[in-house]
């Protein structure tokens, strides 16, 4: 999460969001074993304002928006049938990661809204990488916190 100290900085950061100049990468724990070790999901997503949910839709449905992400499986635990995946968003749609994985039978662990079997009180989704242009210095700022021992995550231990 990025906070601006001035309204001018906030405006510049908002412009970067609109122009897709802010880059984020995520780690997610999902139900089941992914069919492929890496791939791309391309769908159209439609947001329901009343229920604050989204769903996969047709490109012809009014207000549907294209949603694209790449994923790569980092680890799979056969005993508990969970996968740890890296996710790189190309678009930033409402609940995009949750909806796209859930629609393929791989809900995020702990995601009550989109059908996870996990009982966690928190979604197993973490932004580990963030990059943007500093609003006043015009320098690229990159923050990355990738756990060196992802295999040590308790939920994935055998």
C-alpha atoms as a PDB file:
ATOM      1  CA  UNK A   1       0.000   0.000   0.000  1.00  0.00           C
ATOM      2  CA  UNK A   2       1.282   3.456  -0.863  1.00  0.00           C
ATOM      3  CA  UNK A   3       0.319   6.645   0.953  1.00  0.00           C
ATOM      4  CA  UNK A   4       0.837  10.118  -0.485  1.00  0.00           C
ATOM      5  CA  UNK A   5       1.966  12.950   1.774  1.00  0.00           C
ATOM      6  CA  UNK A   6       0.396  15.698  -0.345  1.00  0.00           C
ATOM      7  CA  UNK A   7      -2.641  16.047  -2.568  1.00  0.00           C
ATOM      8  CA  UNK A   8      -0.361  16.691  -5.567  1.00  0.00           C
ATOM      9  CA  UNK A   9       1.491  13.418  -4.930  1.00  0.00           C
ATOM     10  CA  UNK A  10      -1.814  11.602  -4.496  1.00  0.00           C
ATOM     11  CA  UNK A  11      -2.982  12.956  -7.840  1.00  0.00           C
ATOM     12  CA  UNK A  12       0.202  11.783  -9.558  1.00  0.00           C
ATOM     13  CA  UNK A  13      -0.039   8.322  -8.015  1.00  0.00           C
ATOM     14  CA  UNK A  14      -3.697   8.071  -9.056  1.00  0.00           C
ATOM     15  CA  UNK A  15      -2.668   8.961 -12.590  1.00  0.00           C
ATOM     16  CA  UNK A  16      -0.140   6.123 -12.541  1.00  0.00           C
ATOM     17  CA  UNK A  17      -2.893   3.736 -11.497  1.00  0.00           C
ATOM     18  CA  UNK A  18      -5.096   4.911 -14.378  1.00  0.00           C
ATOM     19  CA  UNK A  19      -2.175   4.601 -16.832  1.00  0.00           C
ATOM     20  CA  UNK A  20      -1.237   1.130 -15.520  1.00  0.00           C
ATOM     21  CA  UNK A  21       2.220   2.280 -14.452  1.00  0.00           C
ATOM     22  CA  UNK A  22       2.055   0.690 -11.002  1.00  0.00           C
ATOM     23  CA  UNK A  23       3.130  -2.961 -11.021  1.00  0.00           C
ATOM     24  CA  UNK A  24       2.261  -5.534  -8.358  1.00  0.00           C
ATOM     25  CA  UNK A  25       2.983  -9.246  -8.048  1.00  0.00           C
ATOM     26  CA  UNK A  26       1.280 -11.606  -5.643  1.00  0.00           C
ATOM     27  CA  UNK A  27       1.624 -14.930  -3.882  1.00  0.00           C
ATOM     28  CA  UNK A  28      -1.545 -16.953  -3.376  1.00  0.00           C
ATOM     29  CA  UNK A  29      -2.365 -20.308  -1.830  1.00  0.00           C
ATOM     30  CA  UNK A  30      -5.082 -22.019  -3.851  1.00  0.00           C
ATOM     31  CA  UNK A  31      -7.129 -25.176  -3.519  1.00  0.00           C
ATOM     32  CA  UNK A  32      -5.968 -28.184  -5.493  1.00  0.00           C
ATOM     33  CA  UNK A  33      -3.210 -28.937  -7.948  1.00  0.00           C
ATOM     34  CA  UNK A  34      -2.942 -26.658 -10.965  1.00  0.00           C
ATOM     35  CA  UNK A  35      -3.156 -28.500 -14.272  1.00  0.00           C
ATOM     36  CA  UNK A  36      -0.193 -26.585 -15.708  1.00  0.00           C
ATOM     37  CA  UNK A  37       2.899 -25.371 -13.837  1.00  0.00           C
ATOM     38  CA  UNK A  38       2.462 -21.932 -15.396  1.00  0.00           C
ATOM     39  CA  UNK A  39       0.024 -20.191 -17.662  1.00  0.00           C
ATOM     40  CA  UNK A  40      -2.172 -17.232 -18.465  1.00  0.00           C
ATOM     41  CA  UNK A  41      -5.819 -16.668 -17.601  1.00  0.00           C
ATOM     42  CA  UNK A  42      -7.781 -14.449 -20.008  1.00  0.00           C
ATOM     43  CA  UNK A  43     -11.411 -13.779 -19.175  1.00  0.00           C
ATOM     44  CA  UNK A  44     -14.037 -11.075 -19.006  1.00  0.00           C
ATOM     45  CA  UNK A  45     -15.239 -10.079 -15.557  1.00  0.00           C
ATOM     46  CA  UNK A  46     -18.473  -8.386 -14.577  1.00  0.00           C
ATOM     47  CA  UNK A  47     -18.821  -6.681 -11.191  1.00  0.00           C
ATOM     48  CA  UNK A  48     -22.070  -6.815  -9.222  1.00  0.00           C
ATOM     49  CA  UNK A  49     -22.226  -3.593  -7.190  1.00  0.00           C
ATOM     50  CA  UNK A  50     -25.102  -4.826  -5.008  1.00  0.00           C
ATOM     51  CA  UNK A  51     -23.320  -7.947  -3.726  1.00  0.00           C
ATOM     52  CA  UNK A  52     -19.751  -6.599  -4.054  1.00  0.00           C
ATOM     53  CA  UNK A  53     -18.791  -9.667  -6.050  1.00  0.00           C
ATOM     54  CA  UNK A  54     -17.581 -10.310  -9.569  1.00  0.00           C
ATOM     55  CA  UNK A  55     -17.977 -13.203 -11.958  1.00  0.00           C
ATOM     56  CA  UNK A  56     -16.603 -14.460 -15.243  1.00  0.00           C
ATOM     57  CA  UNK A  57     -18.776 -13.143 -18.067  1.00  0.00           C
ATOM     58  CA  UNK A  58     -19.013 -12.909 -21.822  1.00  0.00           C
ATOM     59  CA  UNK A  59     -17.209 -10.121 -23.658  1.00  0.00           C
ATOM     60  CA  UNK A  60     -20.619  -9.123 -25.013  1.00  0.00           C
ATOM     61  CA  UNK A  61     -22.158  -8.466 -21.592  1.00  0.00           C
ATOM     62  CA  UNK A  62     -22.569  -4.780 -20.840  1.00  0.00           C
ATOM     63  CA  UNK A  63     -19.859  -3.401 -18.502  1.00  0.00           C
ATOM     64  CA  UNK A  64     -17.750  -6.567 -18.650  1.00  0.00           C
ATOM     65  CA  UNK A  65     -14.011  -5.917 -18.677  1.00  0.00           C
ATOM     66  CA  UNK A  66     -11.100  -8.001 -19.897  1.00  0.00           C
ATOM     67  CA  UNK A  67      -9.001  -9.574 -17.126  1.00  0.00           C
ATOM     68  CA  UNK A  68      -5.552 -11.068 -17.753  1.00  0.00           C
ATOM     69  CA  UNK A  69      -3.050 -12.608 -15.353  1.00  0.00           C
ATOM     70  CA  UNK A  70      -0.059 -14.935 -15.513  1.00  0.00           C
ATOM     71  CA  UNK A  71       0.658 -17.536 -12.851  1.00  0.00           C
ATOM     72  CA  UNK A  72       3.457 -19.904 -11.933  1.00  0.00           C
ATOM     73  CA  UNK A  73       3.206 -22.733  -9.413  1.00  0.00           C
ATOM     74  CA  UNK A  74       5.908 -22.473  -6.749  1.00  0.00           C
ATOM     75  CA  UNK A  75       4.943 -25.485  -4.672  1.00  0.00           C
ATOM     76  CA  UNK A  76       2.225 -28.102  -4.363  1.00  0.00           C
ATOM     77  CA  UNK A  77       1.444 -30.007  -1.163  1.00  0.00           C
ATOM     78  CA  UNK A  78      -0.252 -33.280  -2.082  1.00  0.00           C
ATOM     79  CA  UNK A  79      -1.182 -34.187   1.499  1.00  0.00           C
ATOM     80  CA  UNK A  80      -3.370 -31.094   1.990  1.00  0.00           C
ATOM     81  CA  UNK A  81      -4.039 -30.509  -1.735  1.00  0.00           C
ATOM     82  CA  UNK A  82      -2.960 -26.846  -1.814  1.00  0.00           C
ATOM     83  CA  UNK A  83      -0.745 -24.969  -4.283  1.00  0.00           C
ATOM     84  CA  UNK A  84       1.367 -21.871  -3.785  1.00  0.00           C
ATOM     85  CA  UNK A  85       1.368 -19.723  -6.931  1.00  0.00           C
ATOM     86  CA  UNK A  86       3.014 -16.503  -8.048  1.00  0.00           C
ATOM     87  CA  UNK A  87       0.559 -14.178  -9.801  1.00  0.00           C
ATOM     88  CA  UNK A  88       1.379 -11.315 -12.144  1.00  0.00           C
ATOM     89  CA  UNK A  89      -1.586  -9.106 -13.036  1.00  0.00           C
ATOM     90  CA  UNK A  90      -1.836  -7.476 -16.458  1.00  0.00           C
ATOM     91  CA  UNK A  91      -5.143  -5.859 -15.536  1.00  0.00           C
ATOM     92  CA  UNK A  92      -6.528  -4.848 -12.164  1.00  0.00           C
ATOM     93  CA  UNK A  93     -10.153  -5.870 -12.019  1.00  0.00           C
ATOM     94  CA  UNK A  94     -12.396  -6.168  -8.978  1.00  0.00           C
ATOM     95  CA  UNK A  95     -11.490  -9.409  -7.140  1.00  0.00           C
ATOM     96  CA  UNK A  96      -9.689 -10.534 -10.302  1.00  0.00           C
ATOM     97  CA  UNK A  97      -7.311 -13.083  -8.781  1.00  0.00           C
ATOM     98  CA  UNK A  98     -10.047 -14.545  -6.597  1.00  0.00           C
ATOM     99  CA  UNK A  99     -12.567 -14.811  -9.439  1.00  0.00           C
ATOM    100  CA  UNK A 100     -10.227 -16.197 -12.086  1.00  0.00           C
ATOM    101  CA  UNK A 101      -8.771 -18.929  -9.871  1.00  0.00           C
ATOM    102  CA  UNK A 102     -12.162 -19.823  -8.369  1.00  0.00           C
ATOM    103  CA  UNK A 103     -13.746 -20.150 -11.815  1.00  0.00           C
ATOM    104  CA  UNK A 104     -11.199 -22.872 -12.587  1.00  0.00           C
ATOM    105  CA  UNK A 105     -11.794 -24.802  -9.364  1.00  0.00           C
ATOM    106  CA  UNK A 106      -8.833 -23.315  -7.487  1.00  0.00           C
ATOM    107  CA  UNK A 107     -10.311 -20.900  -4.938  1.00  0.00           C
ATOM    108  CA  UNK A 108      -7.911 -18.979  -2.742  1.00  0.00           C
ATOM    109  CA  UNK A 109      -7.461 -20.622   0.624  1.00  0.00           C
ATOM    110  CA  UNK A 110      -9.710 -18.925   3.175  1.00  0.00           C
ATOM    111  CA  UNK A 111     -11.865 -17.199   0.555  1.00  0.00           C
ATOM    112  CA  UNK A 112     -15.392 -17.628   1.886  1.00  0.00           C
ATOM    113  CA  UNK A 113     -16.879 -15.355  -0.784  1.00  0.00           C
ATOM    114  CA  UNK A 114     -15.650 -17.364  -3.766  1.00  0.00           C
ATOM    115  CA  UNK A 115     -15.919 -20.908  -2.463  1.00  0.00           C
ATOM    116  CA  UNK A 116     -12.757 -22.027  -0.699  1.00  0.00           C
ATOM    117  CA  UNK A 117     -12.863 -25.155   1.397  1.00  0.00           C
ATOM    118  CA  UNK A 118     -10.336 -23.487   3.738  1.00  0.00           C
ATOM    119  CA  UNK A 119     -11.547 -22.093   7.025  1.00  0.00           C
ATOM    120  CA  UNK A 120      -8.952 -19.382   7.372  1.00  0.00           C
ATOM    121  CA  UNK A 121     -10.112 -16.022   8.620  1.00  0.00           C
ATOM    122  CA  UNK A 122      -7.910 -14.290   6.100  1.00  0.00           C
ATOM    123  CA  UNK A 123      -7.337 -14.729   2.388  1.00  0.00           C
ATOM    124  CA  UNK A 124      -4.104 -16.479   1.483  1.00  0.00           C
ATOM    125  CA  UNK A 125      -3.096 -13.649  -0.868  1.00  0.00           C
ATOM    126  CA  UNK A 126      -0.059 -11.431  -0.448  1.00  0.00           C
ATOM    127  CA  UNK A 127       1.385  -8.660  -2.617  1.00  0.00           C
ATOM    128  CA  UNK A 128       5.119  -9.289  -2.440  1.00  0.00           C
ATOM    129  CA  UNK A 129       6.225  -6.832  -5.153  1.00  0.00           C
ATOM    130  CA  UNK A 130       5.311  -3.194  -5.807  1.00  0.00           C
ATOM    131  CA  UNK A 131       6.884  -0.791  -8.291  1.00  0.00           C
ATOM    132  CA  UNK A 132       5.888   2.784  -9.182  1.00  0.00           C
ATOM    133  CA  UNK A 133       7.382   6.142 -10.117  1.00  0.00           C
ATOM    134  CA  UNK A 134       8.015   8.412  -7.146  1.00  0.00           C
ATOM    135  CA  UNK A 135       5.531  11.316  -7.524  1.00  0.00           C
ATOM    136  CA  UNK A 136       8.063  14.103  -6.905  1.00  0.00           C
ATOM    137  CA  UNK A 137      11.524  12.620  -7.531  1.00  0.00           C
ATOM    138  CA  UNK A 138      10.454  10.869 -10.751  1.00  0.00           C
ATOM    139  CA  UNK A 139      12.511   7.800  -9.769  1.00  0.00           C
ATOM    140  CA  UNK A 140      11.334   4.216 -10.011  1.00  0.00           C
ATOM    141  CA  UNK A 141      10.600   2.875  -6.543  1.00  0.00           C
ATOM    142  CA  UNK A 142      10.562  -0.905  -6.173  1.00  0.00           C
ATOM    143  CA  UNK A 143       9.696  -2.846  -3.035  1.00  0.00           C
ATOM    144  CA  UNK A 144       9.959  -6.619  -2.907  1.00  0.00           C
ATOM    145  CA  UNK A 145       9.538  -8.912   0.064  1.00  0.00           C
ATOM    146  CA  UNK A 146       9.606 -12.468  -1.187  1.00  0.00           C
ATOM    147  CA  UNK A 147      10.009 -15.034   1.556  1.00  0.00           C
ATOM    148  CA  UNK A 148      13.276 -16.878   1.025  1.00  0.00           C
ATOM    149  CA  UNK A 149      11.835 -20.088   2.383  1.00  0.00           C
ATOM    150  CA  UNK A 150       8.363 -20.229   0.905  1.00  0.00           C
ATOM    151  CA  UNK A 151       8.385 -23.935   1.685  1.00  0.00           C
ATOM    152  CA  UNK A 152       8.407 -23.029   5.385  1.00  0.00           C
ATOM    153  CA  UNK A 153       4.898 -21.562   5.224  1.00  0.00           C
ATOM    154  CA  UNK A 154       3.077 -23.553   7.885  1.00  0.00           C
ATOM    155  CA  UNK A 155       0.008 -24.245   5.780  1.00  0.00           C
ATOM    156  CA  UNK A 156       2.129 -25.947   3.116  1.00  0.00           C
ATOM    157  CA  UNK A 157       4.209 -28.089   5.470  1.00  0.00           C
ATOM    158  CA  UNK A 158       3.782 -31.840   5.246  1.00  0.00           C
END
